[in-house]
Amino acid sequence: MKSDLLKALALRAKNRLINRNNKEVNKTASVKIINDSDEEFYQKVRSVLANDDYSLSPMKFLMDENRLMKLDSAGKERYLLETIDKYNKVKAKIEKENKIC
């Protein structure tokens, strides 16, 4: 169920990005600054990168299902995109650390 929800959210976000020039009214969006020093999230990303079981769908493992189900549709999309952005930043940081060692 959670993977189907994530697929639907990603598809809606993608369609919104593709069709944003077709809309007459531009909506403003608020941006949430994500704290990159979140140790729990960092450890989850480390385990995702180390474990092949989560390599196909890391977002399913990284996102909090209880928080996701409490959000409205726009909130769910925003939470998914924030988590993807945070994952990419932490992944790049881990890869950089591994190159240095």
PDB file of N, CA and C in Angstrom:
ATOM      1  N   MET A   1       0.828  -1.197   0.000  1.00  0.00           N
ATOM      2  CA  MET A   1       0.000   0.000   0.000  1.00  0.00           C
ATOM      3  C   MET A   1       0.864   1.248   0.000  1.00  0.00           C
ATOM      4  N   LYS A   2       1.888   1.246   0.821  1.00  0.00           N
ATOM      5  CA  LYS A   2       2.725   2.430   0.927  1.00  0.00           C
ATOM      6  C   LYS A   2       3.458   2.695  -0.379  1.00  0.00           C
ATOM      7  N   SER A   3       3.929   1.652  -1.055  1.00  0.00           N
ATOM      8  CA  SER A   3       4.647   1.851  -2.311  1.00  0.00           C
ATOM      9  C   SER A   3       3.703   2.380  -3.391  1.00  0.00           C
ATOM     10  N   ASP A   4       2.453   1.939  -3.408  1.00  0.00           N
ATOM     11  CA  ASP A   4       1.476   2.456  -4.365  1.00  0.00           C
ATOM     12  C   ASP A   4       1.208   3.933  -4.118  1.00  0.00           C
ATOM     13  N   LEU A   5       1.119   4.311  -2.860  1.00  0.00           N
ATOM     14  CA  LEU A   5       0.899   5.705  -2.500  1.00  0.00           C
ATOM     15  C   LEU A   5       2.086   6.562  -2.929  1.00  0.00           C
ATOM     16  N   LEU A   6       3.294   6.068  -2.708  1.00  0.00           N
ATOM     17  CA  LEU A   6       4.489   6.813  -3.103  1.00  0.00           C
ATOM     18  C   LEU A   6       4.558   6.969  -4.616  1.00  0.00           C
ATOM     19  N   LYS A   7       4.194   5.923  -5.354  1.00  0.00           N
ATOM     20  CA  LYS A   7       4.185   6.011  -6.812  1.00  0.00           C
ATOM     21  C   LYS A   7       3.187   7.059  -7.288  1.00  0.00           C
ATOM     22  N   ALA A   8       2.010   7.060  -6.694  1.00  0.00           N
ATOM     23  CA  ALA A   8       0.984   8.030  -7.081  1.00  0.00           C
ATOM     24  C   ALA A   8       1.426   9.456  -6.761  1.00  0.00           C
ATOM     25  N   LEU A   9       2.036   9.651  -5.597  1.00  0.00           N
ATOM     26  CA  LEU A   9       2.515  10.978  -5.223  1.00  0.00           C
ATOM     27  C   LEU A   9       3.608  11.459  -6.168  1.00  0.00           C
ATOM     28  N   ALA A  10       4.536  10.574  -6.489  1.00  0.00           N
ATOM     29  CA  ALA A  10       5.616  10.935  -7.400  1.00  0.00           C
ATOM     30  C   ALA A  10       5.073  11.272  -8.787  1.00  0.00           C
ATOM     31  N   LEU A  11       4.090  10.520  -9.250  1.00  0.00           N
ATOM     32  CA  LEU A  11       3.494  10.781 -10.557  1.00  0.00           C
ATOM     33  C   LEU A  11       2.787  12.132 -10.581  1.00  0.00           C
ATOM     34  N   ARG A  12       2.028  12.444  -9.519  1.00  0.00           N
ATOM     35  CA  ARG A  12       1.354  13.746  -9.459  1.00  0.00           C
ATOM     36  C   ARG A  12       2.354  14.891  -9.421  1.00  0.00           C
ATOM     37  N   ALA A  13       3.434  14.729  -8.647  1.00  0.00           N
ATOM     38  CA  ALA A  13       4.456  15.775  -8.570  1.00  0.00           C
ATOM     39  C   ALA A  13       5.134  15.960  -9.921  1.00  0.00           C
ATOM     40  N   LYS A  14       5.417  14.856 -10.608  1.00  0.00           N
ATOM     41  CA  LYS A  14       6.038  14.925 -11.927  1.00  0.00           C
ATOM     42  C   LYS A  14       5.112  15.628 -12.916  1.00  0.00           C
ATOM     43  N   ASN A  15       3.845  15.271 -12.910  1.00  0.00           N
ATOM     44  CA  ASN A  15       2.884  15.912 -13.817  1.00  0.00           C
ATOM     45  C   ASN A  15       2.750  17.399 -13.526  1.00  0.00           C
ATOM     46  N   ARG A  16       2.787  17.750 -12.268  1.00  0.00           N
ATOM     47  CA  ARG A  16       2.716  19.162 -11.909  1.00  0.00           C
ATOM     48  C   ARG A  16       3.929  19.919 -12.434  1.00  0.00           C
ATOM     49  N   LEU A  17       5.112  19.312 -12.360  1.00  0.00           N
ATOM     50  CA  LEU A  17       6.317  19.948 -12.882  1.00  0.00           C
ATOM     51  C   LEU A  17       6.264  20.074 -14.405  1.00  0.00           C
ATOM     52  N   ILE A  18       5.782  19.047 -15.067  1.00  0.00           N
ATOM     53  CA  ILE A  18       5.700  19.073 -16.525  1.00  0.00           C
ATOM     54  C   ILE A  18       4.685  20.104 -16.997  1.00  0.00           C
ATOM     55  N   ASN A  19       3.554  20.201 -16.332  1.00  0.00           N
ATOM     56  CA  ASN A  19       2.453  21.062 -16.780  1.00  0.00           C
ATOM     57  C   ASN A  19       2.401  22.409 -16.085  1.00  0.00           C
ATOM     58  N   ARG A  20       3.443  22.792 -15.384  1.00  0.00           N
ATOM     59  CA  ARG A  20       3.363  24.051 -14.635  1.00  0.00           C
ATOM     60  C   ARG A  20       3.273  25.270 -15.538  1.00  0.00           C
ATOM     61  N   ASN A  21       3.791  25.193 -16.760  1.00  0.00           N
ATOM     62  CA  ASN A  21       3.698  26.321 -17.672  1.00  0.00           C
ATOM     63  C   ASN A  21       2.325  26.426 -18.319  1.00  0.00           C
ATOM     64  N   ASN A  22       1.529  25.397 -18.246  1.00  0.00           N
ATOM     65  CA  ASN A  22       0.200  25.390 -18.850  1.00  0.00           C
ATOM     66  C   ASN A  22      -0.856  26.050 -17.977  1.00  0.00           C
ATOM     67  N   LYS A  23      -0.552  26.249 -16.712  1.00  0.00           N
ATOM     68  CA  LYS A  23      -1.530  26.827 -15.797  1.00  0.00           C
ATOM     69  C   LYS A  23      -1.487  28.346 -15.870  1.00  0.00           C
ATOM     70  N   GLU A  24      -2.633  28.964 -15.729  1.00  0.00           N
ATOM     71  CA  GLU A  24      -2.713  30.419 -15.789  1.00  0.00           C
ATOM     72  C   GLU A  24      -2.293  31.064 -14.481  1.00  0.00           C
ATOM     73  N   VAL A  25      -2.618  30.431 -13.385  1.00  0.00           N
ATOM     74  CA  VAL A  25      -2.326  30.997 -12.070  1.00  0.00           C
ATOM     75  C   VAL A  25      -1.108  30.290 -11.484  1.00  0.00           C
ATOM     76  N   ASN A  26      -0.107  31.079 -11.104  1.00  0.00           N
ATOM     77  CA  ASN A  26       1.060  30.502 -10.456  1.00  0.00           C
ATOM     78  C   ASN A  26       0.843  30.508  -8.958  1.00  0.00           C
ATOM     79  N   LYS A  27       0.998  29.367  -8.343  1.00  0.00           N
ATOM     80  CA  LYS A  27       0.842  29.260  -6.902  1.00  0.00           C
ATOM     81  C   LYS A  27       2.206  29.417  -6.256  1.00  0.00           C
ATOM     82  N   THR A  28       2.215  30.038  -5.098  1.00  0.00           N
ATOM     83  CA  THR A  28       3.467  30.154  -4.366  1.00  0.00           C
ATOM     84  C   THR A  28       3.611  28.954  -3.454  1.00  0.00           C
ATOM     85  N   ALA A  29       4.818  28.522  -3.264  1.00  0.00           N
ATOM     86  CA  ALA A  29       5.076  27.355  -2.426  1.00  0.00           C
ATOM     87  C   ALA A  29       6.009  27.751  -1.297  1.00  0.00           C
ATOM     88  N   SER A  30       5.761  27.210  -0.127  1.00  0.00           N
ATOM     89  CA  SER A  30       6.667  27.451   0.981  1.00  0.00           C
ATOM     90  C   SER A  30       7.727  26.368   0.974  1.00  0.00           C
ATOM     91  N   VAL A  31       8.920  26.749   1.353  1.00  0.00           N
ATOM     92  CA  VAL A  31      10.035  25.818   1.352  1.00  0.00           C
ATOM     93  C   VAL A  31      10.451  25.560   2.779  1.00  0.00           C
ATOM     94  N   LYS A  32      10.593  24.298   3.105  1.00  0.00           N
ATOM     95  CA  LYS A  32      11.017  23.918   4.442  1.00  0.00           C
ATOM     96  C   LYS A  32      12.505  23.596   4.393  1.00  0.00           C
ATOM     97  N   ILE A  33      13.265  24.198   5.279  1.00  0.00           N
ATOM     98  CA  ILE A  33      14.683  23.903   5.363  1.00  0.00           C
ATOM     99  C   ILE A  33      14.848  22.597   6.120  1.00  0.00           C
ATOM    100  N   ILE A  34      15.538  21.668   5.526  1.00  0.00           N
ATOM    101  CA  ILE A  34      15.734  20.358   6.136  1.00  0.00           C
ATOM    102  C   ILE A  34      17.075  20.362   6.845  1.00  0.00           C
ATOM    103  N   ASN A  35      17.061  19.922   8.064  1.00  0.00           N
ATOM    104  CA  ASN A  35      18.274  19.850   8.861  1.00  0.00           C
ATOM    105  C   ASN A  35      19.104  18.663   8.404  1.00  0.00           C
ATOM    106  N   ASP A  36      20.285  18.932   7.842  1.00  0.00           N
ATOM    107  CA  ASP A  36      21.139  17.862   7.341  1.00  0.00           C
ATOM    108  C   ASP A  36      21.855  17.104   8.451  1.00  0.00           C
ATOM    109  N   SER A  37      21.785  17.596   9.662  1.00  0.00           N
ATOM    110  CA  SER A  37      22.506  16.940  10.752  1.00  0.00           C
ATOM    111  C   SER A  37      21.625  15.941  11.509  1.00  0.00           C
ATOM    112  N   ASP A  38      20.542  15.517  10.914  1.00  0.00           N
ATOM    113  CA  ASP A  38      19.637  14.549  11.530  1.00  0.00           C
ATOM    114  C   ASP A  38      20.323  13.181  11.567  1.00  0.00           C
ATOM    115  N   GLU A  39      20.800  12.785  12.710  1.00  0.00           N
ATOM    116  CA  GLU A  39      21.594  11.566  12.866  1.00  0.00           C
ATOM    117  C   GLU A  39      20.781  10.310  12.573  1.00  0.00           C
ATOM    118  N   GLU A  40      19.532  10.271  12.990  1.00  0.00           N
ATOM    119  CA  GLU A  40      18.703   9.088  12.743  1.00  0.00           C
ATOM    120  C   GLU A  40      18.511   8.860  11.245  1.00  0.00           C
ATOM    121  N   PHE A  41      18.212   9.928  10.525  1.00  0.00           N
ATOM    122  CA  PHE A  41      18.038   9.821   9.077  1.00  0.00           C
ATOM    123  C   PHE A  41      19.350   9.412   8.413  1.00  0.00           C
ATOM    124  N   TYR A  42      20.450   9.967   8.884  1.00  0.00           N
ATOM    125  CA  TYR A  42      21.778   9.642   8.364  1.00  0.00           C
ATOM    126  C   TYR A  42      22.053   8.140   8.508  1.00  0.00           C
ATOM    127  N   GLN A  43      21.730   7.587   9.663  1.00  0.00           N
ATOM    128  CA  GLN A  43      21.955   6.159   9.895  1.00  0.00           C
ATOM    129  C   GLN A  43      21.046   5.295   9.012  1.00  0.00           C
ATOM    130  N   LYS A  44      19.811   5.753   8.799  1.00  0.00           N
ATOM    131  CA  LYS A  44      18.898   5.020   7.920  1.00  0.00           C
ATOM    132  C   LYS A  44      19.434   4.988   6.491  1.00  0.00           C
ATOM    133  N   VAL A  45      19.941   6.134   6.024  1.00  0.00           N
ATOM    134  CA  VAL A  45      20.492   6.200   4.668  1.00  0.00           C
ATOM    135  C   VAL A  45      21.705   5.287   4.563  1.00  0.00           C
ATOM    136  N   ARG A  46      22.542   5.285   5.587  1.00  0.00           N
ATOM    137  CA  ARG A  46      23.710   4.393   5.602  1.00  0.00           C
ATOM    138  C   ARG A  46      23.284   2.932   5.475  1.00  0.00           C
ATOM    139  N   SER A  47      22.248   2.545   6.215  1.00  0.00           N
ATOM    140  CA  SER A  47      21.791   1.157   6.148  1.00  0.00           C
ATOM    141  C   SER A  47      21.148   0.851   4.799  1.00  0.00           C
ATOM    142  N   VAL A  48      20.468   1.825   4.199  1.00  0.00           N
ATOM    143  CA  VAL A  48      19.880   1.634   2.870  1.00  0.00           C
ATOM    144  C   VAL A  48      20.982   1.408   1.844  1.00  0.00           C
ATOM    145  N   LEU A  49      22.035   2.202   1.917  1.00  0.00           N
ATOM    146  CA  LEU A  49      23.126   2.072   0.958  1.00  0.00           C
ATOM    147  C   LEU A  49      23.908   0.778   1.161  1.00  0.00           C
ATOM    148  N   ALA A  50      23.982   0.302   2.398  1.00  0.00           N
ATOM    149  CA  ALA A  50      24.725  -0.920   2.704  1.00  0.00           C
ATOM    150  C   ALA A  50      23.914  -2.183   2.411  1.00  0.00           C
ATOM    151  N   ASN A  51      22.594  -2.071   2.431  1.00  0.00           N
ATOM    152  CA  ASN A  51      21.725  -3.231   2.295  1.00  0.00           C
ATOM    153  C   ASN A  51      21.058  -3.219   0.919  1.00  0.00           C
ATOM    154  N   ASP A  52      21.186  -4.290   0.184  1.00  0.00           N
ATOM    155  CA  ASP A  52      20.604  -4.366  -1.162  1.00  0.00           C
ATOM    156  C   ASP A  52      19.087  -4.503  -1.155  1.00  0.00           C
ATOM    157  N   ASP A  53      18.485  -4.879  -0.042  1.00  0.00           N
ATOM    158  CA  ASP A  53      17.041  -5.070   0.029  1.00  0.00           C
ATOM    159  C   ASP A  53      16.271  -3.785  -0.233  1.00  0.00           C
ATOM    160  N   TYR A  54      16.846  -2.646   0.129  1.00  0.00           N
ATOM    161  CA  TYR A  54      16.147  -1.367   0.002  1.00  0.00           C
ATOM    162  C   TYR A  54      16.591  -0.567  -1.214  1.00  0.00           C
ATOM    163  N   SER A  55      17.444  -1.106  -2.038  1.00  0.00           N
ATOM    164  CA  SER A  55      18.002  -0.336  -3.141  1.00  0.00           C
ATOM    165  C   SER A  55      16.958   0.044  -4.192  1.00  0.00           C
ATOM    166  N   LEU A  56      15.900  -0.742  -4.345  1.00  0.00           N
ATOM    167  CA  LEU A  56      14.879  -0.421  -5.337  1.00  0.00           C
ATOM    168  C   LEU A  56      13.894   0.634  -4.853  1.00  0.00           C
ATOM    169  N   SER A  57      13.629   0.661  -3.557  1.00  0.00           N
ATOM    170  CA  SER A  57      12.673   1.623  -3.017  1.00  0.00           C
ATOM    171  C   SER A  57      13.142   2.163  -1.664  1.00  0.00           C
ATOM    172  N   PRO A  58      14.159   3.009  -1.668  1.00  0.00           N
ATOM    173  CA  PRO A  58      14.659   3.512  -0.381  1.00  0.00           C
ATOM    174  C   PRO A  58      13.673   4.445   0.321  1.00  0.00           C
ATOM    175  N   MET A  59      12.819   5.134  -0.424  1.00  0.00           N
ATOM    176  CA  MET A  59      11.886   6.071   0.197  1.00  0.00           C
ATOM    177  C   MET A  59      10.883   5.351   1.081  1.00  0.00           C
ATOM    178  N   LYS A  60      10.507   4.148   0.701  1.00  0.00           N
ATOM    179  CA  LYS A  60       9.558   3.379   1.509  1.00  0.00           C
ATOM    180  C   LYS A  60      10.126   3.116   2.901  1.00  0.00           C
ATOM    181  N   PHE A  61      11.423   2.897   2.964  1.00  0.00           N
ATOM    182  CA  PHE A  61      12.087   2.642   4.235  1.00  0.00           C
ATOM    183  C   PHE A  61      12.355   3.938   5.009  1.00  0.00           C
ATOM    184  N   LEU A  62      12.645   5.020   4.310  1.00  0.00           N
ATOM    185  CA  LEU A  62      13.057   6.267   4.959  1.00  0.00           C
ATOM    186  C   LEU A  62      11.892   7.118   5.457  1.00  0.00           C
ATOM    187  N   MET A  63      10.737   7.005   4.833  1.00  0.00           N
ATOM    188  CA  MET A  63       9.612   7.859   5.206  1.00  0.00           C
ATOM    189  C   MET A  63       8.849   7.261   6.386  1.00  0.00           C
ATOM    190  N   ASP A  64       8.352   8.139   7.250  1.00  0.00           N
ATOM    191  CA  ASP A  64       7.560   7.732   8.406  1.00  0.00           C
ATOM    192  C   ASP A  64       6.115   7.547   7.954  1.00  0.00           C
ATOM    193  N   GLU A  65       5.632   6.318   7.989  1.00  0.00           N
ATOM    194  CA  GLU A  65       4.290   6.013   7.483  1.00  0.00           C
ATOM    195  C   GLU A  65       3.197   6.705   8.296  1.00  0.00           C
ATOM    196  N   ASN A  66       3.352   6.777   9.608  1.00  0.00           N
ATOM    197  CA  ASN A  66       2.342   7.442  10.438  1.00  0.00           C
ATOM    198  C   ASN A  66       2.225   8.917  10.075  1.00  0.00           C
ATOM    199  N   ARG A  67       3.358   9.572   9.888  1.00  0.00           N
ATOM    200  CA  ARG A  67       3.342  10.990   9.510  1.00  0.00           C
ATOM    201  C   ARG A  67       2.737  11.155   8.119  1.00  0.00           C
ATOM    202  N   LEU A  68       3.088  10.269   7.207  1.00  0.00           N
ATOM    203  CA  LEU A  68       2.600  10.345   5.836  1.00  0.00           C
ATOM    204  C   LEU A  68       1.078  10.238   5.774  1.00  0.00           C
ATOM    205  N   MET A  69       0.497   9.328   6.547  1.00  0.00           N
ATOM    206  CA  MET A  69      -0.946   9.108   6.503  1.00  0.00           C
ATOM    207  C   MET A  69      -1.738  10.258   7.139  1.00  0.00           C
ATOM    208  N   LYS A  70      -1.108  11.065   7.965  1.00  0.00           N
ATOM    209  CA  LYS A  70      -1.800  12.190   8.608  1.00  0.00           C
ATOM    210  C   LYS A  70      -1.852  13.429   7.720  1.00  0.00           C
ATOM    211  N   LEU A  71      -1.052  13.463   6.655  1.00  0.00           N
ATOM    212  CA  LEU A  71      -0.966  14.643   5.801  1.00  0.00           C
ATOM    213  C   LEU A  71      -2.034  14.636   4.715  1.00  0.00           C
ATOM    214  N   ASP A  72      -2.373  15.836   4.233  1.00  0.00           N
ATOM    215  CA  ASP A  72      -3.270  15.931   3.085  1.00  0.00           C
ATOM    216  C   ASP A  72      -2.482  15.627   1.813  1.00  0.00           C
ATOM    217  N   SER A  73      -3.135  15.668   0.671  1.00  0.00           N
ATOM    218  CA  SER A  73      -2.513  15.280  -0.589  1.00  0.00           C
ATOM    219  C   SER A  73      -1.282  16.135  -0.910  1.00  0.00           C
ATOM    220  N   ALA A  74      -1.412  17.439  -0.786  1.00  0.00           N
ATOM    221  CA  ALA A  74      -0.274  18.325  -1.068  1.00  0.00           C
ATOM    222  C   ALA A  74       0.838  18.111  -0.051  1.00  0.00           C
ATOM    223  N   GLY A  75       0.473  17.880   1.191  1.00  0.00           N
ATOM    224  CA  GLY A  75       1.461  17.619   2.230  1.00  0.00           C
ATOM    225  C   GLY A  75       2.228  16.336   1.990  1.00  0.00           C
ATOM    226  N   LYS A  76       1.522  15.317   1.490  1.00  0.00           N
ATOM    227  CA  LYS A  76       2.174  14.045   1.179  1.00  0.00           C
ATOM    228  C   LYS A  76       3.201  14.223   0.061  1.00  0.00           C
ATOM    229  N   GLU A  77       2.827  14.969  -0.973  1.00  0.00           N
ATOM    230  CA  GLU A  77       3.750  15.221  -2.072  1.00  0.00           C
ATOM    231  C   GLU A  77       4.961  16.010  -1.585  1.00  0.00           C
ATOM    232  N   ARG A  78       4.703  17.019  -0.773  1.00  0.00           N
ATOM    233  CA  ARG A  78       5.786  17.843  -0.235  1.00  0.00           C
ATOM    234  C   ARG A  78       6.728  17.003   0.630  1.00  0.00           C
ATOM    235  N   TYR A  79       6.161  16.136   1.473  1.00  0.00           N
ATOM    236  CA  TYR A  79       6.955  15.274   2.343  1.00  0.00           C
ATOM    237  C   TYR A  79       7.809  14.315   1.511  1.00  0.00           C
ATOM    238  N   LEU A  80       7.242  13.760   0.444  1.00  0.00           N
ATOM    239  CA  LEU A  80       7.988  12.872  -0.442  1.00  0.00           C
ATOM    240  C   LEU A  80       9.158  13.613  -1.085  1.00  0.00           C
ATOM    241  N   LEU A  81       8.901  14.793  -1.627  1.00  0.00           N
ATOM    242  CA  LEU A  81       9.962  15.549  -2.289  1.00  0.00           C
ATOM    243  C   LEU A  81      11.037  16.012  -1.305  1.00  0.00           C
ATOM    244  N   GLU A  82      10.635  16.396  -0.097  1.00  0.00           N
ATOM    245  CA  GLU A  82      11.610  16.782   0.930  1.00  0.00           C
ATOM    246  C   GLU A  82      12.486  15.593   1.316  1.00  0.00           C
ATOM    247  N   THR A  83      11.875  14.423   1.436  1.00  0.00           N
ATOM    248  CA  THR A  83      12.628  13.226   1.804  1.00  0.00           C
ATOM    249  C   THR A  83      13.592  12.842   0.695  1.00  0.00           C
ATOM    250  N   ILE A  84      13.173  12.953  -0.549  1.00  0.00           N
ATOM    251  CA  ILE A  84      14.063  12.655  -1.679  1.00  0.00           C
ATOM    252  C   ILE A  84      15.241  13.602  -1.684  1.00  0.00           C
ATOM    253  N   ASP A  85      14.971  14.884  -1.475  1.00  0.00           N
ATOM    254  CA  ASP A  85      16.040  15.885  -1.455  1.00  0.00           C
ATOM    255  C   ASP A  85      17.019  15.614  -0.312  1.00  0.00           C
ATOM    256  N   LYS A  86      16.477  15.330   0.842  1.00  0.00           N
ATOM    257  CA  LYS A  86      17.311  15.049   2.011  1.00  0.00           C
ATOM    258  C   LYS A  86      18.135  13.779   1.787  1.00  0.00           C
ATOM    259  N   TYR A  87      17.523  12.749   1.205  1.00  0.00           N
ATOM    260  CA  TYR A  87      18.223  11.497   0.909  1.00  0.00           C
ATOM    261  C   TYR A  87      19.394  11.743  -0.037  1.00  0.00           C
ATOM    262  N   ASN A  88      19.160  12.518  -1.098  1.00  0.00           N
ATOM    263  CA  ASN A  88      20.228  12.797  -2.057  1.00  0.00           C
ATOM    264  C   ASN A  88      21.389  13.551  -1.418  1.00  0.00           C
ATOM    265  N   LYS A  89      21.087  14.503  -0.546  1.00  0.00           N
ATOM    266  CA  LYS A  89      22.147  15.253   0.134  1.00  0.00           C
ATOM    267  C   LYS A  89      22.954  14.358   1.067  1.00  0.00           C
ATOM    268  N   VAL A  90      22.272  13.534   1.834  1.00  0.00           N
ATOM    269  CA  VAL A  90      22.969  12.652   2.778  1.00  0.00           C
ATOM    270  C   VAL A  90      23.754  11.585   2.012  1.00  0.00           C
ATOM    271  N   LYS A  91      23.188  11.071   0.926  1.00  0.00           N
ATOM    272  CA  LYS A  91      23.882  10.069   0.112  1.00  0.00           C
ATOM    273  C   LYS A  91      25.173  10.652  -0.466  1.00  0.00           C
ATOM    274  N   ALA A  92      25.104  11.873  -0.973  1.00  0.00           N
ATOM    275  CA  ALA A  92      26.296  12.528  -1.516  1.00  0.00           C
ATOM    276  C   ALA A  92      27.347  12.730  -0.421  1.00  0.00           C
ATOM    277  N   LYS A  93      26.897  13.086   0.770  1.00  0.00           N
ATOM    278  CA  LYS A  93      27.810  13.284   1.897  1.00  0.00           C
ATOM    279  C   LYS A  93      28.501  11.967   2.263  1.00  0.00           C
ATOM    280  N   ILE A  94      27.743  10.881   2.300  1.00  0.00           N
ATOM    281  CA  ILE A  94      28.309   9.565   2.635  1.00  0.00           C
ATOM    282  C   ILE A  94      29.291   9.124   1.563  1.00  0.00           C
ATOM    283  N   GLU A  95      28.942   9.315   0.288  1.00  0.00           N
ATOM    284  CA  GLU A  95      29.840   8.934  -0.796  1.00  0.00           C
ATOM    285  C   GLU A  95      31.131   9.743  -0.755  1.00  0.00           C
ATOM    286  N   LYS A  96      31.014  11.011  -0.398  1.00  0.00           N
ATOM    287  CA  LYS A  96      32.194  11.870  -0.271  1.00  0.00           C
ATOM    288  C   LYS A  96      33.087  11.384   0.863  1.00  0.00           C
ATOM    289  N   GLU A  97      32.478  11.000   1.987  1.00  0.00           N
ATOM    290  CA  GLU A  97      33.232  10.474   3.127  1.00  0.00           C
ATOM    291  C   GLU A  97      33.941   9.174   2.751  1.00  0.00           C
ATOM    292  N   ASN A  98      33.277   8.327   1.969  1.00  0.00           N
ATOM    293  CA  ASN A  98      33.869   7.049   1.564  1.00  0.00           C
ATOM    294  C   ASN A  98      35.038   7.238   0.605  1.00  0.00           C
ATOM    295  N   LYS A  99      34.990   8.264  -0.239  1.00  0.00           N
ATOM    296  CA  LYS A  99      36.096   8.551  -1.154  1.00  0.00           C
ATOM    297  C   LYS A  99      37.324   9.029  -0.397  1.00  0.00           C
ATOM    298  N   ILE A 100      37.103   9.814   0.655  1.00  0.00           N
ATOM    299  CA  ILE A 100      38.209  10.366   1.437  1.00  0.00           C
ATOM    300  C   ILE A 100      38.936   9.259   2.186  1.00  0.00           C
ATOM    301  N   CYS A 101      38.194   8.288   2.707  1.00  0.00           N
ATOM    302  CA  CYS A 101      38.810   7.223   3.516  1.00  0.00           C
ATOM    303  C   CYS A 101      39.632   6.274   2.726  1.00  0.00           C
TER     304      CYS A 101
END
